[in-house]
C-alpha atoms as a PDB file:
ATOM      1  CA  MET A   1      73.852 114.406  76.371  1.00  0.00           C
ATOM      2  CA  THR A   2      74.473 116.318  79.608  1.00  0.00           C
ATOM      3  CA  LEU A   3      77.522 115.674  81.734  1.00  0.00           C
ATOM      4  CA  SER A   4      75.416 114.404  84.641  1.00  0.00           C
ATOM      5  CA  ARG A   5      74.252 111.540  82.442  1.00  0.00           C
ATOM      6  CA  TYR A   6      77.759 110.130  81.989  1.00  0.00           C
ATOM      7  CA  LEU A   7      78.084 106.940  83.973  1.00  0.00           C
ATOM      8  CA  PRO A   8      81.312 106.212  85.853  1.00  0.00           C
ATOM      9  CA  PHE A   9      83.870 103.991  84.193  1.00  0.00           C
ATOM     10  CA  LEU A  10      84.902 102.834  87.632  1.00  0.00           C
ATOM     11  CA  GLU A  11      83.994 103.419  91.286  1.00  0.00           C
ATOM     12  CA  PHE A  12      85.755 101.785  94.208  1.00  0.00           C
ATOM     13  CA  SER A  13      86.795 102.273  97.837  1.00  0.00           C
ATOM     14  CA  PHE A  14      89.908 101.208  99.721  1.00  0.00           C
ATOM     15  CA  GLN A  15      91.671 101.749 103.023  1.00  0.00           C
ATOM     16  CA  PHE A  16      94.607 104.212 103.177  1.00  0.00           C
ATOM     17  CA  GLY A  17      96.034 104.123 106.696  1.00  0.00           C
ATOM     18  CA  ILE A  18      93.037 104.785 108.945  1.00  0.00           C
ATOM     19  CA  ASN A  19      91.079 106.494 106.164  1.00  0.00           C
ATOM     20  CA  ARG A  20      88.512 105.099 103.780  1.00  0.00           C
ATOM     21  CA  ILE A  21      89.050 106.516 100.284  1.00  0.00           C
ATOM     22  CA  ASP A  22      86.270 106.626  97.670  1.00  0.00           C
ATOM     23  CA  ILE A  23      87.279 107.006  94.013  1.00  0.00           C
ATOM     24  CA  SER A  24      85.015 107.818  91.081  1.00  0.00           C
ATOM     25  CA  TYR A  25      86.439 107.843  87.540  1.00  0.00           C
ATOM     26  CA  LYS A  26      84.311 108.915  84.587  1.00  0.00           C
ATOM     27  CA  LEU A  27      84.097 110.743  81.285  1.00  0.00           C
ATOM     28  CA  PHE A  28      83.916 114.511  81.840  1.00  0.00           C
ATOM     29  CA  SER A  29      83.434 115.785  78.291  1.00  0.00           C
ATOM     30  CA  GLN A  30      84.185 115.100  74.657  1.00  0.00           C
ATOM     31  CA  GLY A  31      87.448 116.623  73.496  1.00  0.00           C
ATOM     32  CA  PHE A  32      88.802 117.543  70.099  1.00  0.00           C
ATOM     33  CA  ASP A  33      89.996 115.191  67.391  1.00  0.00           C
ATOM     34  CA  ASN A  34      90.826 111.881  69.063  1.00  0.00           C
ATOM     35  CA  THR A  35      90.636 113.011  72.714  1.00  0.00           C
ATOM     36  CA  GLU A  36      88.157 113.287  75.544  1.00  0.00           C
ATOM     37  CA  MET A  37      88.393 114.707  79.052  1.00  0.00           C
ATOM     38  CA  HIS A  38      88.291 112.283  81.984  1.00  0.00           C
ATOM     39  CA  HIS A  39      87.590 113.049  85.634  1.00  0.00           C
ATOM     40  CA  ILE A  40      88.841 111.415  88.843  1.00  0.00           C
ATOM     41  CA  GLU A  41      87.183 112.385  92.125  1.00  0.00           C
ATOM     42  CA  VAL A  42      88.746 111.440  95.457  1.00  0.00           C
ATOM     43  CA  ASN A  43      86.753 111.632  98.685  1.00  0.00           C
ATOM     44  CA  VAL A  44      88.309 110.866 102.069  1.00  0.00           C
ATOM     45  CA  GLU A  45      85.969 109.637 104.796  1.00  0.00           C
ATOM     46  CA  ASN A  46      85.050 112.398 107.265  1.00  0.00           C
ATOM     47  CA  ASP A  47      86.867 114.957 105.057  1.00  0.00           C
ATOM     48  CA  ARG A  48      90.197 114.060 106.658  1.00  0.00           C
ATOM     49  CA  ALA A  49      93.407 115.535 105.306  1.00  0.00           C
ATOM     50  CA  ILE A  50      95.947 113.328 103.536  1.00  0.00           C
ATOM     51  CA  PRO A  51      98.961 114.438 101.458  1.00  0.00           C
ATOM     52  CA  LEU A  52      96.838 114.396  98.276  1.00  0.00           C
ATOM     53  CA  THR A  53      94.198 116.733  99.742  1.00  0.00           C
ATOM     54  CA  GLU A  54      93.949 118.926 102.832  1.00  0.00           C
ATOM     55  CA  THR A  55      90.160 119.124 102.548  1.00  0.00           C
ATOM     56  CA  GLY A  56      89.375 115.446 102.028  1.00  0.00           C
ATOM     57  CA  TYR A  57      88.296 116.086  98.432  1.00  0.00           C
ATOM     58  CA  ARG A  58      90.232 116.290  95.191  1.00  0.00           C
ATOM     59  CA  SER A  59      89.133 116.479  91.584  1.00  0.00           C
ATOM     60  CA  GLU A  60      91.417 115.939  88.566  1.00  0.00           C
ATOM     61  CA  ILE A  61      90.357 116.526  84.962  1.00  0.00           C
ATOM     62  CA  PHE A  62      92.766 115.395  82.266  1.00  0.00           C
ATOM     63  CA  PRO A  63      92.856 114.547  78.549  1.00  0.00           C
ATOM     64  CA  MET A  64      92.851 110.951  77.344  1.00  0.00           C
ATOM     65  CA  GLN A  65      92.910 109.308  73.959  1.00  0.00           C
ATOM     66  CA  LYS A  66      89.330 108.531  72.929  1.00  0.00           C
ATOM     67  CA  GLY A  67      88.474 104.955  73.858  1.00  0.00           C
ATOM     68  CA  LYS A  68      91.291 104.563  76.433  1.00  0.00           C
ATOM     69  CA  ILE A  69      90.207 104.025  80.026  1.00  0.00           C
ATOM     70  CA  LEU A  70      92.492 103.859  83.053  1.00  0.00           C
ATOM     71  CA  THR A  71      92.509 100.651  85.077  1.00  0.00           C
ATOM     72  CA  LYS A  72      92.013 100.467  88.831  1.00  0.00           C
ATOM     73  CA  GLU A  73      95.727  99.717  89.192  1.00  0.00           C
ATOM     74  CA  GLU A  74      96.673 102.829  87.179  1.00  0.00           C
ATOM     75  CA  ILE A  75      94.406 104.996  89.334  1.00  0.00           C
ATOM     76  CA  LEU A  76      95.890 103.508  92.504  1.00  0.00           C
ATOM     77  CA  ASP A  77      99.412 104.123  91.158  1.00  0.00           C
ATOM     78  CA  TRP A  78      98.448 107.785  90.570  1.00  0.00           C
ATOM     79  CA  PHE A  79      96.916 108.041  94.056  1.00  0.00           C
ATOM     80  CA  TYR A  80      99.950 106.592  95.843  1.00  0.00           C
ATOM     81  CA  GLU A  81     102.398 108.692  93.812  1.00  0.00           C
ATOM     82  CA  LYS A  82     100.451 111.881  94.698  1.00  0.00           C
ATOM     83  CA  ASN A  83     100.581 110.838  98.356  1.00  0.00           C
ATOM     84  CA  GLY A  84     104.362 110.444  98.301  1.00  0.00           C
ATOM     85  CA  ASN A  85     104.352 106.641  98.180  1.00  0.00           C
ATOM     86  CA  LYS A  86     105.222 105.167  94.802  1.00  0.00           C
ATOM     87  CA  GLN A  87     104.792 101.595  96.009  1.00  0.00           C
ATOM     88  CA  LEU A  88     101.416 100.255  94.942  1.00  0.00           C
ATOM     89  CA  THR A  89      99.480  98.491  97.687  1.00  0.00           C
ATOM     90  CA  LEU A  90      96.152  96.902  96.792  1.00  0.00           C
ATOM     91  CA  PHE A  91      93.583  96.406  99.537  1.00  0.00           C
END
């Protein structure tokens, strides 16, 4: 199976200040033993800079235990922490 055929676990958008943020979270590749690599992509509307990204785009690839999937709340917690705001605000 090619990587482009992996379907997202989760895709959502939300408002961060005046910016619309689009998040895509999916499997990136199979790992070793009991792990796999996951991928979060962040796109900011109109490529605007925010603390997380000066270009309006950020990509994070990280290992996860096979079968574990982050929740929307966990992704938002990560996003707000990377932006210097540890308080979770759902929109």
